[in-house]
Amino acid sequence: MAKKTRLPDDFEVTQHMIELAKAKGWPDPRTEVEAFKDYHLAHGSLMLDWQACFRTWLRNAQRFGRGAGKLPNTDGMAMSYKPTFHDLKPLSDDQIRENQRRINQIITGLAARKGIR
């Protein structure tokens, strides 16, 4: 009988896994592998088949809307795109001033409720 093991130190995304993800419409394994490793290392997970576990991770990422985007399908369709922190645009000076004004209103309102001036 096979024995469960911890995640191997040399666990990597294979070309086969990338091709499978494309064909299945799963998230790009290269964007999911670090979260997968961190999760299982932090939890001390033991598995019989780490490749099968990673395929399940990718299916769940697709099912629950996680993942940094999907690879193009084998028919060449464009990636579905999910914005990330790096896609945020800087605020204009007017937007910053308006946000500061709103924050000050909130702080003033909270202080008034607590009787602080």
PDB file of N, CA and C in Angstrom:
ATOM      1  N   MET A   1       0.844  -1.189   0.000  1.00  0.00           N
ATOM      2  CA  MET A   1       0.000   0.000   0.000  1.00  0.00           C
ATOM      3  C   MET A   1       0.885   1.247   0.000  1.00  0.00           C
ATOM      4  N   ALA A   2       0.486   2.228  -0.796  1.00  0.00           N
ATOM      5  CA  ALA A   2       1.252   3.480  -0.898  1.00  0.00           C
ATOM      6  C   ALA A   2       1.156   4.263   0.408  1.00  0.00           C
ATOM      7  N   LYS A   3       2.191   5.025   0.666  1.00  0.00           N
ATOM      8  CA  LYS A   3       2.269   5.815   1.893  1.00  0.00           C
ATOM      9  C   LYS A   3       2.085   7.289   1.557  1.00  0.00           C
ATOM     10  N   LYS A   4       1.309   7.990   2.369  1.00  0.00           N
ATOM     11  CA  LYS A   4       1.140   9.435   2.203  1.00  0.00           C
ATOM     12  C   LYS A   4       2.446  10.133   2.552  1.00  0.00           C
ATOM     13  N   THR A   5       2.727  11.213   1.803  1.00  0.00           N
ATOM     14  CA  THR A   5       3.962  11.964   2.026  1.00  0.00           C
ATOM     15  C   THR A   5       3.651  13.459   2.094  1.00  0.00           C
ATOM     16  N   ARG A   6       4.602  14.204   2.607  1.00  0.00           N
ATOM     17  CA  ARG A   6       4.518  15.661   2.585  1.00  0.00           C
ATOM     18  C   ARG A   6       4.825  16.143   1.165  1.00  0.00           C
ATOM     19  N   LEU A   7       4.489  17.392   0.891  1.00  0.00           N
ATOM     20  CA  LEU A   7       4.765  17.985  -0.415  1.00  0.00           C
ATOM     21  C   LEU A   7       6.267  17.919  -0.690  1.00  0.00           C
ATOM     22  N   PRO A   8       6.665  17.343  -1.819  1.00  0.00           N
ATOM     23  CA  PRO A   8       8.101  17.271  -2.130  1.00  0.00           C
ATOM     24  C   PRO A   8       8.709  18.668  -2.306  1.00  0.00           C
ATOM     25  N   ASP A   9       9.940  18.830  -1.880  1.00  0.00           N
ATOM     26  CA  ASP A   9      10.635  20.112  -2.036  1.00  0.00           C
ATOM     27  C   ASP A   9      10.755  20.517  -3.499  1.00  0.00           C
ATOM     28  N   ASP A  10      10.826  19.535  -4.380  1.00  0.00           N
ATOM     29  CA  ASP A  10      11.027  19.822  -5.801  1.00  0.00           C
ATOM     30  C   ASP A  10       9.720  19.837  -6.602  1.00  0.00           C
ATOM     31  N   PHE A  11       8.577  19.994  -5.923  1.00  0.00           N
ATOM     32  CA  PHE A  11       7.293  20.031  -6.636  1.00  0.00           C
ATOM     33  C   PHE A  11       7.260  21.243  -7.557  1.00  0.00           C
ATOM     34  N   GLU A  12       7.017  21.004  -8.831  1.00  0.00           N
ATOM     35  CA  GLU A  12       6.975  22.065  -9.833  1.00  0.00           C
ATOM     36  C   GLU A  12       5.836  21.823 -10.801  1.00  0.00           C
ATOM     37  N   VAL A  13       5.426  22.886 -11.475  1.00  0.00           N
ATOM     38  CA  VAL A  13       4.427  22.776 -12.534  1.00  0.00           C
ATOM     39  C   VAL A  13       5.111  22.174 -13.760  1.00  0.00           C
ATOM     40  N   THR A  14       4.489  21.148 -14.304  1.00  0.00           N
ATOM     41  CA  THR A  14       5.042  20.504 -15.499  1.00  0.00           C
ATOM     42  C   THR A  14       4.383  21.073 -16.759  1.00  0.00           C
ATOM     43  N   GLN A  15       5.032  20.859 -17.884  1.00  0.00           N
ATOM     44  CA  GLN A  15       4.451  21.278 -19.160  1.00  0.00           C
ATOM     45  C   GLN A  15       3.121  20.566 -19.391  1.00  0.00           C
ATOM     46  N   HIS A  16       3.046  19.304 -18.996  1.00  0.00           N
ATOM     47  CA  HIS A  16       1.793  18.548 -19.125  1.00  0.00           C
ATOM     48  C   HIS A  16       0.669  19.238 -18.340  1.00  0.00           C
ATOM     49  N   MET A  17       0.985  19.719 -17.124  1.00  0.00           N
ATOM     50  CA  MET A  17      -0.029  20.388 -16.300  1.00  0.00           C
ATOM     51  C   MET A  17      -0.488  21.688 -16.960  1.00  0.00           C
ATOM     52  N   ILE A  18       0.418  22.428 -17.572  1.00  0.00           N
ATOM     53  CA  ILE A  18       0.058  23.672 -18.262  1.00  0.00           C
ATOM     54  C   ILE A  18      -0.869  23.361 -19.434  1.00  0.00           C
ATOM     55  N   GLU A  19      -0.530  22.323 -20.217  1.00  0.00           N
ATOM     56  CA  GLU A  19      -1.356  21.935 -21.358  1.00  0.00           C
ATOM     57  C   GLU A  19      -2.722  21.435 -20.916  1.00  0.00           C
ATOM     58  N   LEU A  20      -2.758  20.663 -19.839  1.00  0.00           N
ATOM     59  CA  LEU A  20      -4.027  20.168 -19.309  1.00  0.00           C
ATOM     60  C   LEU A  20      -4.906  21.323 -18.848  1.00  0.00           C
ATOM     61  N   ALA A  21      -4.304  22.291 -18.166  1.00  0.00           N
ATOM     62  CA  ALA A  21      -5.061  23.454 -17.691  1.00  0.00           C
ATOM     63  C   ALA A  21      -5.643  24.238 -18.866  1.00  0.00           C
ATOM     64  N   LYS A  22      -4.872  24.387 -19.939  1.00  0.00           N
ATOM     65  CA  LYS A  22      -5.376  25.072 -21.140  1.00  0.00           C
ATOM     66  C   LYS A  22      -6.581  24.337 -21.699  1.00  0.00           C
ATOM     67  N   ALA A  23      -6.434  23.030 -21.829  1.00  0.00           N
ATOM     68  CA  ALA A  23      -7.501  22.214 -22.417  1.00  0.00           C
ATOM     69  C   ALA A  23      -8.770  22.223 -21.567  1.00  0.00           C
ATOM     70  N   LYS A  24      -8.612  22.271 -20.249  1.00  0.00           N
ATOM     71  CA  LYS A  24      -9.761  22.212 -19.340  1.00  0.00           C
ATOM     72  C   LYS A  24     -10.323  23.582 -18.985  1.00  0.00           C
ATOM     73  N   GLY A  25      -9.603  24.651 -19.365  1.00  0.00           N
ATOM     74  CA  GLY A  25     -10.063  25.992 -19.008  1.00  0.00           C
ATOM     75  C   GLY A  25      -9.814  26.339 -17.542  1.00  0.00           C
ATOM     76  N   TRP A  26      -8.829  25.671 -16.935  1.00  0.00           N
ATOM     77  CA  TRP A  26      -8.473  25.942 -15.548  1.00  0.00           C
ATOM     78  C   TRP A  26      -7.562  27.160 -15.474  1.00  0.00           C
ATOM     79  N   PRO A  27      -7.402  27.721 -14.274  1.00  0.00           N
ATOM     80  CA  PRO A  27      -6.430  28.817 -14.103  1.00  0.00           C
ATOM     81  C   PRO A  27      -5.021  28.349 -14.452  1.00  0.00           C
ATOM     82  N   ASP A  28      -4.176  29.293 -14.783  1.00  0.00           N
ATOM     83  CA  ASP A  28      -2.791  29.001 -15.127  1.00  0.00           C
ATOM     84  C   ASP A  28      -2.085  28.392 -13.914  1.00  0.00           C
ATOM     85  N   PRO A  29      -1.596  27.171 -14.021  1.00  0.00           N
ATOM     86  CA  PRO A  29      -0.937  26.530 -12.874  1.00  0.00           C
ATOM     87  C   PRO A  29       0.251  27.320 -12.341  1.00  0.00           C
ATOM     88  N   ARG A  30       0.918  28.071 -13.227  1.00  0.00           N
ATOM     89  CA  ARG A  30       2.089  28.843 -12.796  1.00  0.00           C
ATOM     90  C   ARG A  30       1.703  29.966 -11.843  1.00  0.00           C
ATOM     91  N   THR A  31       0.446  30.431 -11.902  1.00  0.00           N
ATOM     92  CA  THR A  31       0.008  31.483 -10.982  1.00  0.00           C
ATOM     93  C   THR A  31      -0.591  30.908  -9.698  1.00  0.00           C
ATOM     94  N   GLU A  32      -0.865  29.621  -9.678  1.00  0.00           N
ATOM     95  CA  GLU A  32      -1.492  28.984  -8.518  1.00  0.00           C
ATOM     96  C   GLU A  32      -0.517  28.186  -7.659  1.00  0.00           C
ATOM     97  N   VAL A  33       0.631  27.818  -8.211  1.00  0.00           N
ATOM     98  CA  VAL A  33       1.505  26.865  -7.533  1.00  0.00           C
ATOM     99  C   VAL A  33       2.037  27.379  -6.196  1.00  0.00           C
ATOM    100  N   GLU A  34       2.357  28.662  -6.085  1.00  0.00           N
ATOM    101  CA  GLU A  34       2.902  29.167  -4.818  1.00  0.00           C
ATOM    102  C   GLU A  34       1.854  29.124  -3.703  1.00  0.00           C
ATOM    103  N   ALA A  35       0.618  29.506  -4.027  1.00  0.00           N
ATOM    104  CA  ALA A  35      -0.459  29.438  -3.021  1.00  0.00           C
ATOM    105  C   ALA A  35      -0.709  27.987  -2.617  1.00  0.00           C
ATOM    106  N   PHE A  36      -0.674  27.080  -3.594  1.00  0.00           N
ATOM    107  CA  PHE A  36      -0.845  25.649  -3.332  1.00  0.00           C
ATOM    108  C   PHE A  36       0.225  25.147  -2.374  1.00  0.00           C
ATOM    109  N   LYS A  37       1.489  25.470  -2.686  1.00  0.00           N
ATOM    110  CA  LYS A  37       2.594  25.030  -1.829  1.00  0.00           C
ATOM    111  C   LYS A  37       2.472  25.611  -0.424  1.00  0.00           C
ATOM    112  N   ASP A  38       2.230  26.922  -0.341  1.00  0.00           N
ATOM    113  CA  ASP A  38       2.131  27.573   0.971  1.00  0.00           C
ATOM    114  C   ASP A  38       1.015  26.952   1.806  1.00  0.00           C
ATOM    115  N   TYR A  39      -0.127  26.718   1.185  1.00  0.00           N
ATOM    116  CA  TYR A  39      -1.271  26.146   1.917  1.00  0.00           C
ATOM    117  C   TYR A  39      -0.898  24.782   2.496  1.00  0.00           C
ATOM    118  N   HIS A  40      -0.371  23.899   1.653  1.00  0.00           N
ATOM    119  CA  HIS A  40      -0.104  22.534   2.111  1.00  0.00           C
ATOM    120  C   HIS A  40       1.095  22.446   3.044  1.00  0.00           C
ATOM    121  N   LEU A  41       2.078  23.305   2.866  1.00  0.00           N
ATOM    122  CA  LEU A  41       3.193  23.328   3.811  1.00  0.00           C
ATOM    123  C   LEU A  41       2.732  23.847   5.178  1.00  0.00           C
ATOM    124  N   ALA A  42       1.909  24.893   5.167  1.00  0.00           N
ATOM    125  CA  ALA A  42       1.412  25.470   6.424  1.00  0.00           C
ATOM    126  C   ALA A  42       0.529  24.488   7.189  1.00  0.00           C
ATOM    127  N   HIS A  43      -0.207  23.653   6.456  1.00  0.00           N
ATOM    128  CA  HIS A  43      -1.117  22.703   7.097  1.00  0.00           C
ATOM    129  C   HIS A  43      -0.483  21.338   7.347  1.00  0.00           C
ATOM    130  N   GLY A  44       0.756  21.152   6.912  1.00  0.00           N
ATOM    131  CA  GLY A  44       1.412  19.855   7.104  1.00  0.00           C
ATOM    132  C   GLY A  44       0.680  18.731   6.395  1.00  0.00           C
ATOM    133  N   SER A  45       0.097  19.030   5.243  1.00  0.00           N
ATOM    134  CA  SER A  45      -0.711  18.045   4.508  1.00  0.00           C
ATOM    135  C   SER A  45       0.108  16.825   4.108  1.00  0.00           C
ATOM    136  N   LEU A  46      -0.545  15.696   4.148  1.00  0.00           N
ATOM    137  CA  LEU A  46       0.015  14.432   3.675  1.00  0.00           C
ATOM    138  C   LEU A  46      -0.884  13.929   2.553  1.00  0.00           C
ATOM    139  N   MET A  47      -0.298  13.555   1.424  1.00  0.00           N
ATOM    140  CA  MET A  47      -1.066  13.105   0.266  1.00  0.00           C
ATOM    141  C   MET A  47      -0.430  11.865  -0.339  1.00  0.00           C
ATOM    142  N   LEU A  48      -1.282  11.074  -1.000  1.00  0.00           N
ATOM    143  CA  LEU A  48      -0.790   9.938  -1.775  1.00  0.00           C
ATOM    144  C   LEU A  48      -0.267  10.384  -3.134  1.00  0.00           C
ATOM    145  N   ASP A  49      -0.934  11.388  -3.740  1.00  0.00           N
ATOM    146  CA  ASP A  49      -0.603  11.808  -5.101  1.00  0.00           C
ATOM    147  C   ASP A  49      -0.681  13.326  -5.177  1.00  0.00           C
ATOM    148  N   TRP A  50       0.477  13.978  -5.155  1.00  0.00           N
ATOM    149  CA  TRP A  50       0.514  15.440  -5.151  1.00  0.00           C
ATOM    150  C   TRP A  50       0.085  16.046  -6.480  1.00  0.00           C
ATOM    151  N   GLN A  51       0.315  15.349  -7.582  1.00  0.00           N
ATOM    152  CA  GLN A  51      -0.154  15.845  -8.875  1.00  0.00           C
ATOM    153  C   GLN A  51      -1.681  15.854  -8.911  1.00  0.00           C
ATOM    154  N   ALA A  52      -2.312  14.806  -8.410  1.00  0.00           N
ATOM    155  CA  ALA A  52      -3.778  14.754  -8.349  1.00  0.00           C
ATOM    156  C   ALA A  52      -4.308  15.849  -7.420  1.00  0.00           C
ATOM    157  N   CYS A  53      -3.616  16.072  -6.323  1.00  0.00           N
ATOM    158  CA  CYS A  53      -4.015  17.127  -5.384  1.00  0.00           C
ATOM    159  C   CYS A  53      -3.961  18.496  -6.067  1.00  0.00           C
ATOM    160  N   PHE A  54      -2.927  18.733  -6.857  1.00  0.00           N
ATOM    161  CA  PHE A  54      -2.794  20.013  -7.553  1.00  0.00           C
ATOM    162  C   PHE A  54      -3.878  20.167  -8.621  1.00  0.00           C
ATOM    163  N   ARG A  55      -4.208  19.078  -9.328  1.00  0.00           N
ATOM    164  CA  ARG A  55      -5.309  19.153 -10.303  1.00  0.00           C
ATOM    165  C   ARG A  55      -6.611  19.517  -9.603  1.00  0.00           C
ATOM    166  N   THR A  56      -6.847  18.955  -8.418  1.00  0.00           N
ATOM    167  CA  THR A  56      -8.043  19.299  -7.639  1.00  0.00           C
ATOM    168  C   THR A  56      -8.012  20.767  -7.244  1.00  0.00           C
ATOM    169  N   TRP A  57      -6.839  21.268  -6.842  1.00  0.00           N
ATOM    170  CA  TRP A  57      -6.672  22.687  -6.488  1.00  0.00           C
ATOM    171  C   TRP A  57      -7.082  23.581  -7.663  1.00  0.00           C
ATOM    172  N   LEU A  58      -6.615  23.215  -8.857  1.00  0.00           N
ATOM    173  CA  LEU A  58      -6.928  24.013 -10.046  1.00  0.00           C
ATOM    174  C   LEU A  58      -8.417  23.965 -10.377  1.00  0.00           C
ATOM    175  N   ARG A  59      -9.032  22.793 -10.275  1.00  0.00           N
ATOM    176  CA  ARG A  59     -10.480  22.692 -10.514  1.00  0.00           C
ATOM    177  C   ARG A  59     -11.247  23.531  -9.508  1.00  0.00           C
ATOM    178  N   ASN A  60     -10.829  23.496  -8.247  1.00  0.00           N
ATOM    179  CA  ASN A  60     -11.501  24.299  -7.218  1.00  0.00           C
ATOM    180  C   ASN A  60     -11.283  25.790  -7.441  1.00  0.00           C
ATOM    181  N   ALA A  61     -10.104  26.163  -7.899  1.00  0.00           N
ATOM    182  CA  ALA A  61      -9.844  27.576  -8.205  1.00  0.00           C
ATOM    183  C   ALA A  61     -10.797  28.044  -9.293  1.00  0.00           C
ATOM    184  N   GLN A  62     -11.044  27.196 -10.269  1.00  0.00           N
ATOM    185  CA  GLN A  62     -11.985  27.527 -11.339  1.00  0.00           C
ATOM    186  C   GLN A  62     -13.407  27.586 -10.781  1.00  0.00           C
ATOM    187  N   ARG A  63     -13.790  26.596 -10.019  1.00  0.00           N
ATOM    188  CA  ARG A  63     -15.151  26.492  -9.489  1.00  0.00           C
ATOM    189  C   ARG A  63     -15.493  27.656  -8.565  1.00  0.00           C
ATOM    190  N   PHE A  64     -14.541  28.057  -7.732  1.00  0.00           N
ATOM    191  CA  PHE A  64     -14.813  29.092  -6.741  1.00  0.00           C
ATOM    192  C   PHE A  64     -14.321  30.473  -7.155  1.00  0.00           C
ATOM    193  N   GLY A  65     -13.911  30.610  -8.421  1.00  0.00           N
ATOM    194  CA  GLY A  65     -13.568  31.926  -8.947  1.00  0.00           C
ATOM    195  C   GLY A  65     -12.240  32.473  -8.480  1.00  0.00           C
ATOM    196  N   ARG A  66     -11.365  31.600  -7.959  1.00  0.00           N
ATOM    197  CA  ARG A  66     -10.024  32.057  -7.595  1.00  0.00           C
ATOM    198  C   ARG A  66      -9.145  31.987  -8.822  1.00  0.00           C
ATOM    199  N   GLY A  67      -7.924  32.397  -8.652  1.00  0.00           N
ATOM    200  CA  GLY A  67      -6.963  32.288  -9.737  1.00  0.00           C
ATOM    201  C   GLY A  67      -6.728  33.632 -10.388  1.00  0.00           C
ATOM    202  N   ALA A  68      -5.602  33.788 -10.974  1.00  0.00           N
ATOM    203  CA  ALA A  68      -5.212  35.072 -11.561  1.00  0.00           C
ATOM    204  C   ALA A  68      -5.636  35.191 -13.007  1.00  0.00           C
ATOM    205  N   GLY A  69      -6.456  34.307 -13.484  1.00  0.00           N
ATOM    206  CA  GLY A  69      -6.899  34.353 -14.872  1.00  0.00           C
ATOM    207  C   GLY A  69      -6.719  32.990 -15.495  1.00  0.00           C
ATOM    208  N   LYS A  70      -7.377  32.777 -16.600  1.00  0.00           N
ATOM    209  CA  LYS A  70      -7.307  31.488 -17.268  1.00  0.00           C
ATOM    210  C   LYS A  70      -6.352  31.567 -18.441  1.00  0.00           C
ATOM    211  N   LEU A  71      -5.767  30.439 -18.737  1.00  0.00           N
ATOM    212  CA  LEU A  71      -4.936  30.335 -19.924  1.00  0.00           C
ATOM    213  C   LEU A  71      -5.841  30.329 -21.151  1.00  0.00           C
ATOM    214  N   PRO A  72      -5.305  30.739 -22.298  1.00  0.00           N
ATOM    215  CA  PRO A  72      -6.116  30.636 -23.501  1.00  0.00           C
ATOM    216  C   PRO A  72      -6.445  29.177 -23.771  1.00  0.00           C
ATOM    217  N   ASN A  73      -7.621  28.926 -24.257  1.00  0.00           N
ATOM    218  CA  ASN A  73      -8.016  27.576 -24.614  1.00  0.00           C
ATOM    219  C   ASN A  73      -7.183  27.106 -25.791  1.00  0.00           C
ATOM    220  N   THR A  74      -7.222  25.839 -26.104  1.00  0.00           N
ATOM    221  CA  THR A  74      -6.425  25.321 -27.209  1.00  0.00           C
ATOM    222  C   THR A  74      -6.886  25.888 -28.547  1.00  0.00           C
ATOM    223  N   ASP A  75      -8.099  26.428 -28.613  1.00  0.00           N
ATOM    224  CA  ASP A  75      -8.565  27.013 -29.868  1.00  0.00           C
ATOM    225  C   ASP A  75      -8.117  28.470 -30.002  1.00  0.00           C
ATOM    226  N   GLY A  76      -7.293  28.971 -29.065  1.00  0.00           N
ATOM    227  CA  GLY A  76      -6.718  30.302 -29.179  1.00  0.00           C
ATOM    228  C   GLY A  76      -7.594  31.420 -28.658  1.00  0.00           C
ATOM    229  N   MET A  77      -8.671  31.091 -27.939  1.00  0.00           N
ATOM    230  CA  MET A  77      -9.525  32.148 -27.393  1.00  0.00           C
ATOM    231  C   MET A  77      -8.737  32.961 -26.374  1.00  0.00           C
ATOM    232  N   ALA A  78      -9.088  34.233 -26.243  1.00  0.00           N
ATOM    233  CA  ALA A  78      -8.373  35.135 -25.333  1.00  0.00           C
ATOM    234  C   ALA A  78      -8.583  34.723 -23.889  1.00  0.00           C
ATOM    235  N   MET A  79      -7.620  35.119 -23.041  1.00  0.00           N
ATOM    236  CA  MET A  79      -7.705  34.860 -21.607  1.00  0.00           C
ATOM    237  C   MET A  79      -8.846  35.638 -20.987  1.00  0.00           C
ATOM    238  N   SER A  80      -9.524  35.041 -20.008  1.00  0.00           N
ATOM    239  CA  SER A  80     -10.405  35.847 -19.179  1.00  0.00           C
ATOM    240  C   SER A  80      -9.479  36.551 -18.191  1.00  0.00           C
ATOM    241  N   TYR A  81      -9.799  37.770 -17.835  1.00  0.00           N
ATOM    242  CA  TYR A  81      -8.860  38.590 -17.085  1.00  0.00           C
ATOM    243  C   TYR A  81      -9.475  39.037 -15.777  1.00  0.00           C
ATOM    244  N   LYS A  82      -8.714  38.921 -14.698  1.00  0.00           N
ATOM    245  CA  LYS A  82      -9.122  39.417 -13.398  1.00  0.00           C
ATOM    246  C   LYS A  82      -8.091  40.443 -12.962  1.00  0.00           C
ATOM    247  N   PRO A  83      -8.509  41.682 -12.712  1.00  0.00           N
ATOM    248  CA  PRO A  83      -7.541  42.701 -12.306  1.00  0.00           C
ATOM    249  C   PRO A  83      -6.861  42.335 -10.991  1.00  0.00           C
ATOM    250  N   THR A  84      -5.654  42.807 -10.832  1.00  0.00           N
ATOM    251  CA  THR A  84      -4.891  42.597  -9.608  1.00  0.00           C
ATOM    252  C   THR A  84      -4.483  43.949  -9.039  1.00  0.00           C
ATOM    253  N   PHE A  85      -3.848  43.919  -7.884  1.00  0.00           N
ATOM    254  CA  PHE A  85      -3.373  45.138  -7.239  1.00  0.00           C
ATOM    255  C   PHE A  85      -2.526  45.967  -8.190  1.00  0.00           C
ATOM    256  N   HIS A  86      -1.723  45.291  -9.009  1.00  0.00           N
ATOM    257  CA  HIS A  86      -0.802  45.990  -9.899  1.00  0.00           C
ATOM    258  C   HIS A  86      -1.514  46.726 -11.029  1.00  0.00           C
ATOM    259  N   ASP A  87      -2.795  46.436 -11.239  1.00  0.00           N
ATOM    260  CA  ASP A  87      -3.556  47.092 -12.293  1.00  0.00           C
ATOM    261  C   ASP A  87      -4.202  48.390 -11.820  1.00  0.00           C
ATOM    262  N   LEU A  88      -4.131  48.679 -10.530  1.00  0.00           N
ATOM    263  CA  LEU A  88      -4.764  49.881 -10.004  1.00  0.00           C
ATOM    264  C   LEU A  88      -4.062  51.126 -10.532  1.00  0.00           C
ATOM    265  N   LYS A  89      -4.852  52.127 -10.800  1.00  0.00           N
ATOM    266  CA  LYS A  89      -4.298  53.391 -11.285  1.00  0.00           C
ATOM    267  C   LYS A  89      -4.186  54.365 -10.119  1.00  0.00           C
ATOM    268  N   PRO A  90      -3.173  55.222 -10.134  1.00  0.00           N
ATOM    269  CA  PRO A  90      -3.033  56.203  -9.050  1.00  0.00           C
ATOM    270  C   PRO A  90      -4.224  57.162  -9.045  1.00  0.00           C
ATOM    271  N   LEU A  91      -4.564  57.638  -7.854  1.00  0.00           N
ATOM    272  CA  LEU A  91      -5.637  58.624  -7.716  1.00  0.00           C
ATOM    273  C   LEU A  91      -5.127  60.004  -8.122  1.00  0.00           C
ATOM    274  N   SER A  92      -6.038  60.791  -8.646  1.00  0.00           N
ATOM    275  CA  SER A  92      -5.682  62.179  -8.968  1.00  0.00           C
ATOM    276  C   SER A  92      -5.611  62.973  -7.659  1.00  0.00           C
ATOM    277  N   ASP A  93      -5.028  64.162  -7.702  1.00  0.00           N
ATOM    278  CA  ASP A  93      -4.957  65.019  -6.513  1.00  0.00           C
ATOM    279  C   ASP A  93      -6.355  65.340  -5.996  1.00  0.00           C
ATOM    280  N   ASP A  94      -7.309  65.584  -6.902  1.00  0.00           N
ATOM    281  CA  ASP A  94      -8.688  65.869  -6.488  1.00  0.00           C
ATOM    282  C   ASP A  94      -9.319  64.673  -5.780  1.00  0.00           C
ATOM    283  N   GLN A  95      -9.069  63.465  -6.279  1.00  0.00           N
ATOM    284  CA  GLN A  95      -9.607  62.265  -5.641  1.00  0.00           C
ATOM    285  C   GLN A  95      -9.001  62.061  -4.259  1.00  0.00           C
ATOM    286  N   ILE A  96      -7.720  62.345  -4.127  1.00  0.00           N
ATOM    287  CA  ILE A  96      -7.060  62.217  -2.826  1.00  0.00           C
ATOM    288  C   ILE A  96      -7.656  63.208  -1.835  1.00  0.00           C
ATOM    289  N   ARG A  97      -7.823  64.462  -2.260  1.00  0.00           N
ATOM    290  CA  ARG A  97      -8.409  65.481  -1.374  1.00  0.00           C
ATOM    291  C   ARG A  97      -9.827  65.094  -0.954  1.00  0.00           C
ATOM    292  N   GLU A  98     -10.621  64.581  -1.895  1.00  0.00           N
ATOM    293  CA  GLU A  98     -11.985  64.169  -1.576  1.00  0.00           C
ATOM    294  C   GLU A  98     -11.986  63.008  -0.582  1.00  0.00           C
ATOM    295  N   ASN A  99     -11.107  62.045  -0.767  1.00  0.00           N
ATOM    296  CA  ASN A  99     -11.011  60.931   0.175  1.00  0.00           C
ATOM    297  C   ASN A  99     -10.584  61.419   1.565  1.00  0.00           C
ATOM    298  N   GLN A 100      -9.639  62.350   1.625  1.00  0.00           N
ATOM    299  CA  GLN A 100      -9.209  62.904   2.910  1.00  0.00           C
ATOM    300  C   GLN A 100     -10.362  63.645   3.590  1.00  0.00           C
ATOM    301  N   ARG A 101     -11.146  64.394   2.799  1.00  0.00           N
ATOM    302  CA  ARG A 101     -12.304  65.106   3.346  1.00  0.00           C
ATOM    303  C   ARG A 101     -13.303  64.123   3.953  1.00  0.00           C
ATOM    304  N   ARG A 102     -13.572  63.029   3.241  1.00  0.00           N
ATOM    305  CA  ARG A 102     -14.515  62.016   3.731  1.00  0.00           C
ATOM    306  C   ARG A 102     -14.004  61.349   5.000  1.00  0.00           C
ATOM    307  N   ILE A 103     -12.721  61.048   5.024  1.00  0.00           N
ATOM    308  CA  ILE A 103     -12.132  60.434   6.223  1.00  0.00           C
ATOM    309  C   ILE A 103     -12.250  61.379   7.415  1.00  0.00           C
ATOM    310  N   ASN A 104     -11.962  62.661   7.202  1.00  0.00           N
ATOM    311  CA  ASN A 104     -12.082  63.639   8.288  1.00  0.00           C
ATOM    312  C   ASN A 104     -13.518  63.743   8.787  1.00  0.00           C
ATOM    313  N   GLN A 105     -14.496  63.671   7.881  1.00  0.00           N
ATOM    314  CA  GLN A 105     -15.903  63.697   8.290  1.00  0.00           C
ATOM    315  C   GLN A 105     -16.225  62.497   9.166  1.00  0.00           C
ATOM    316  N   ILE A 106     -15.741  61.339   8.768  1.00  0.00           N
ATOM    317  CA  ILE A 106     -15.997  60.122   9.542  1.00  0.00           C
ATOM    318  C   ILE A 106     -15.368  60.233  10.922  1.00  0.00           C
ATOM    319  N   ILE A 107     -14.122  60.674  10.977  1.00  0.00           N
ATOM    320  CA  ILE A 107     -13.422  60.807  12.260  1.00  0.00           C
ATOM    321  C   ILE A 107     -14.131  61.817  13.150  1.00  0.00           C
ATOM    322  N   THR A 108     -14.528  62.946  12.574  1.00  0.00           N
ATOM    323  CA  THR A 108     -15.237  63.973  13.349  1.00  0.00           C
ATOM    324  C   THR A 108     -16.549  63.421  13.886  1.00  0.00           C
ATOM    325  N   GLY A 109     -17.283  62.701  13.056  1.00  0.00           N
ATOM    326  CA  GLY A 109     -18.547  62.102  13.487  1.00  0.00           C
ATOM    327  C   GLY A 109     -18.356  61.089  14.597  1.00  0.00           C
ATOM    328  N   LEU A 110     -17.337  60.242  14.481  1.00  0.00           N
ATOM    329  CA  LEU A 110     -17.065  59.259  15.532  1.00  0.00           C
ATOM    330  C   LEU A 110     -16.647  59.934  16.831  1.00  0.00           C
ATOM    331  N   ALA A 111     -15.809  60.946  16.719  1.00  0.00           N
ATOM    332  CA  ALA A 111     -15.363  61.670  17.915  1.00  0.00           C
ATOM    333  C   ALA A 111     -16.552  62.346  18.601  1.00  0.00           C
ATOM    334  N   ALA A 112     -17.479  62.914  17.812  1.00  0.00           N
ATOM    335  CA  ALA A 112     -18.660  63.569  18.397  1.00  0.00           C
ATOM    336  C   ALA A 112     -19.521  62.562  19.142  1.00  0.00           C
ATOM    337  N   ARG A 113     -19.655  61.373  18.606  1.00  0.00           N
ATOM    338  CA  ARG A 113     -20.459  60.319  19.263  1.00  0.00           C
ATOM    339  C   ARG A 113     -19.847  59.917  20.596  1.00  0.00           C
ATOM    340  N   LYS A 114     -18.529  59.933  20.661  1.00  0.00           N
ATOM    341  CA  LYS A 114     -17.826  59.533  21.880  1.00  0.00           C
ATOM    342  C   LYS A 114     -17.608  60.722  22.821  1.00  0.00           C
ATOM    343  N   GLY A 115     -18.012  61.907  22.411  1.00  0.00           N
ATOM    344  CA  GLY A 115     -17.821  63.082  23.229  1.00  0.00           C
ATOM    345  C   GLY A 115     -16.395  63.595  23.241  1.00  0.00           C
ATOM    346  N   ILE A 116     -15.655  63.286  22.201  1.00  0.00           N
ATOM    347  CA  ILE A 116     -14.264  63.729  22.081  1.00  0.00           C
ATOM    348  C   ILE A 116     -14.205  64.916  21.120  1.00  0.00           C
ATOM    349  N   ARG A 117     -13.415  65.913  21.478  1.00  0.00           N
ATOM    350  CA  ARG A 117     -13.275  67.068  20.586  1.00  0.00           C
ATOM    351  C   ARG A 117     -11.862  67.272  20.196  1.00  0.00           C
TER     352      ARG A 117
END
